Amino acid sequence: MSAGKQISDEETLLSVELLTIAQVAEWAKVSTKTIYRWIDAGQIPVVKFGNRTFRIPARAVIAQLKKGGYDHLLEDQ
């Protein structure tokens, strides 16, 4: 038996914060159409729940900011 605690798949799943298209658009100050364009272009990953229901992992937004060099936006004020 290992000394460290293993995280279960359920715990991992519950720790993932999913954002709506509207939430990401509001935060980024862009239209929802822009978010859909980012998704279509593969710039940001999406989780699909059916044909018209999408969610974006918050971690993906953070990763996109870091990739774009906007780390300073993530720092505590």
C-alpha atoms as a PDB file:
ATOM      1  CA  MET A   1       0.000   0.000   0.000  1.00  0.00           C
ATOM      2  CA  SER A   2       1.390   3.444  -0.891  1.00  0.00           C
ATOM      3  CA  ALA A   3       1.961   6.148   1.694  1.00  0.00           C
ATOM      4  CA  GLY A   4       0.203   8.890  -0.307  1.00  0.00           C
ATOM      5  CA  LYS A   5      -3.542   9.214  -0.739  1.00  0.00           C
ATOM      6  CA  GLN A   6      -4.754   8.445  -4.227  1.00  0.00           C
ATOM      7  CA  ILE A   7      -7.438  10.683  -5.650  1.00  0.00           C
ATOM      8  CA  SER A   8     -10.394   8.795  -7.088  1.00  0.00           C
ATOM      9  CA  ASP A   9     -11.895   9.524 -10.498  1.00  0.00           C
ATOM     10  CA  GLU A  10     -15.004  10.827  -8.744  1.00  0.00           C
ATOM     11  CA  GLU A  11     -12.989  13.272  -6.632  1.00  0.00           C
ATOM     12  CA  THR A  12     -11.182  14.464  -9.741  1.00  0.00           C
ATOM     13  CA  LEU A  13     -14.455  14.920 -11.590  1.00  0.00           C
ATOM     14  CA  LEU A  14     -16.000  16.896  -8.755  1.00  0.00           C
ATOM     15  CA  SER A  15     -12.979  19.198  -8.643  1.00  0.00           C
ATOM     16  CA  VAL A  16     -13.394  20.296 -12.277  1.00  0.00           C
ATOM     17  CA  GLU A  17     -15.182  23.615 -12.598  1.00  0.00           C
ATOM     18  CA  LEU A  18     -17.154  23.912 -15.827  1.00  0.00           C
ATOM     19  CA  LEU A  19     -18.144  27.301 -17.213  1.00  0.00           C
ATOM     20  CA  THR A  20     -20.898  28.129 -19.674  1.00  0.00           C
ATOM     21  CA  ILE A  21     -20.208  29.848 -22.982  1.00  0.00           C
ATOM     22  CA  ALA A  22     -21.941  32.955 -21.618  1.00  0.00           C
ATOM     23  CA  GLN A  23     -19.787  32.992 -18.468  1.00  0.00           C
ATOM     24  CA  VAL A  24     -16.560  32.823 -20.466  1.00  0.00           C
ATOM     25  CA  ALA A  25     -17.802  35.461 -22.919  1.00  0.00           C
ATOM     26  CA  GLU A  26     -18.812  37.805 -20.104  1.00  0.00           C
ATOM     27  CA  TRP A  27     -15.477  37.367 -18.362  1.00  0.00           C
ATOM     28  CA  ALA A  28     -13.486  37.892 -21.595  1.00  0.00           C
ATOM     29  CA  LYS A  29     -15.704  40.831 -22.633  1.00  0.00           C
ATOM     30  CA  VAL A  30     -16.442  39.242 -26.008  1.00  0.00           C
ATOM     31  CA  SER A  31     -19.571  37.900 -27.647  1.00  0.00           C
ATOM     32  CA  THR A  32     -20.688  34.307 -27.328  1.00  0.00           C
ATOM     33  CA  LYS A  33     -20.088  34.018 -31.091  1.00  0.00           C
ATOM     34  CA  THR A  34     -16.416  34.737 -30.451  1.00  0.00           C
ATOM     35  CA  ILE A  35     -16.259  31.919 -27.910  1.00  0.00           C
ATOM     36  CA  TYR A  36     -17.838  29.540 -30.432  1.00  0.00           C
ATOM     37  CA  ARG A  37     -15.224  30.660 -32.988  1.00  0.00           C
ATOM     38  CA  TRP A  38     -12.456  29.905 -30.476  1.00  0.00           C
ATOM     39  CA  ILE A  39     -13.959  26.457 -29.943  1.00  0.00           C
ATOM     40  CA  ASP A  40     -14.263  25.794 -33.689  1.00  0.00           C
ATOM     41  CA  ALA A  41     -10.666  26.916 -34.204  1.00  0.00           C
ATOM     42  CA  GLY A  42      -9.465  24.581 -31.452  1.00  0.00           C
ATOM     43  CA  GLN A  43      -8.164  27.484 -29.353  1.00  0.00           C
ATOM     44  CA  ILE A  44     -10.037  26.357 -26.269  1.00  0.00           C
ATOM     45  CA  PRO A  45     -11.306  22.868 -25.392  1.00  0.00           C
ATOM     46  CA  VAL A  46     -14.933  22.197 -24.699  1.00  0.00           C
ATOM     47  CA  VAL A  47     -16.982  19.475 -23.074  1.00  0.00           C
ATOM     48  CA  LYS A  48     -20.101  18.680 -25.093  1.00  0.00           C
ATOM     49  CA  PHE A  49     -23.298  17.518 -23.421  1.00  0.00           C
ATOM     50  CA  GLY A  50     -25.456  16.867 -26.468  1.00  0.00           C
ATOM     51  CA  ASN A  51     -25.712  18.943 -29.640  1.00  0.00           C
ATOM     52  CA  ARG A  52     -26.224  22.386 -28.119  1.00  0.00           C
ATOM     53  CA  THR A  53     -24.889  22.237 -24.574  1.00  0.00           C
ATOM     54  CA  PHE A  54     -21.232  23.091 -24.101  1.00  0.00           C
ATOM     55  CA  ARG A  55     -19.090  23.681 -21.033  1.00  0.00           C
ATOM     56  CA  ILE A  56     -15.550  24.988 -20.864  1.00  0.00           C
ATOM     57  CA  PRO A  57     -13.242  23.779 -18.095  1.00  0.00           C
ATOM     58  CA  ALA A  58     -12.023  26.744 -16.029  1.00  0.00           C
ATOM     59  CA  ARG A  59      -8.538  25.210 -16.178  1.00  0.00           C
ATOM     60  CA  ALA A  60      -8.635  25.563 -19.979  1.00  0.00           C
ATOM     61  CA  VAL A  61      -9.305  29.289 -19.679  1.00  0.00           C
ATOM     62  CA  ILE A  62      -6.395  29.606 -17.233  1.00  0.00           C
ATOM     63  CA  ALA A  63      -4.136  27.601 -19.569  1.00  0.00           C
ATOM     64  CA  GLN A  64      -5.113  29.836 -22.491  1.00  0.00           C
ATOM     65  CA  LEU A  65      -4.241  32.941 -20.473  1.00  0.00           C
ATOM     66  CA  LYS A  66      -0.856  31.513 -19.559  1.00  0.00           C
ATOM     67  CA  LYS A  67      -0.201  30.479 -23.154  1.00  0.00           C
ATOM     68  CA  GLY A  68      -0.991  34.017 -24.294  1.00  0.00           C
ATOM     69  CA  GLY A  69       1.385  35.529 -21.748  1.00  0.00           C
ATOM     70  CA  TYR A  70      -1.327  36.926 -19.464  1.00  0.00           C
ATOM     71  CA  ASP A  71      -0.122  35.284 -16.252  1.00  0.00           C
ATOM     72  CA  HIS A  72      -0.326  38.652 -14.487  1.00  0.00           C
ATOM     73  CA  LEU A  73      -4.132  38.535 -14.759  1.00  0.00           C
ATOM     74  CA  LEU A  74      -4.130  35.449 -12.523  1.00  0.00           C
ATOM     75  CA  GLU A  75      -2.175  37.021  -9.681  1.00  0.00           C
ATOM     76  CA  ASP A  76      -3.973  38.033  -6.496  1.00  0.00           C
ATOM     77  CA  GLN A  77      -4.400  41.756  -6.266  1.00  0.00           C
END
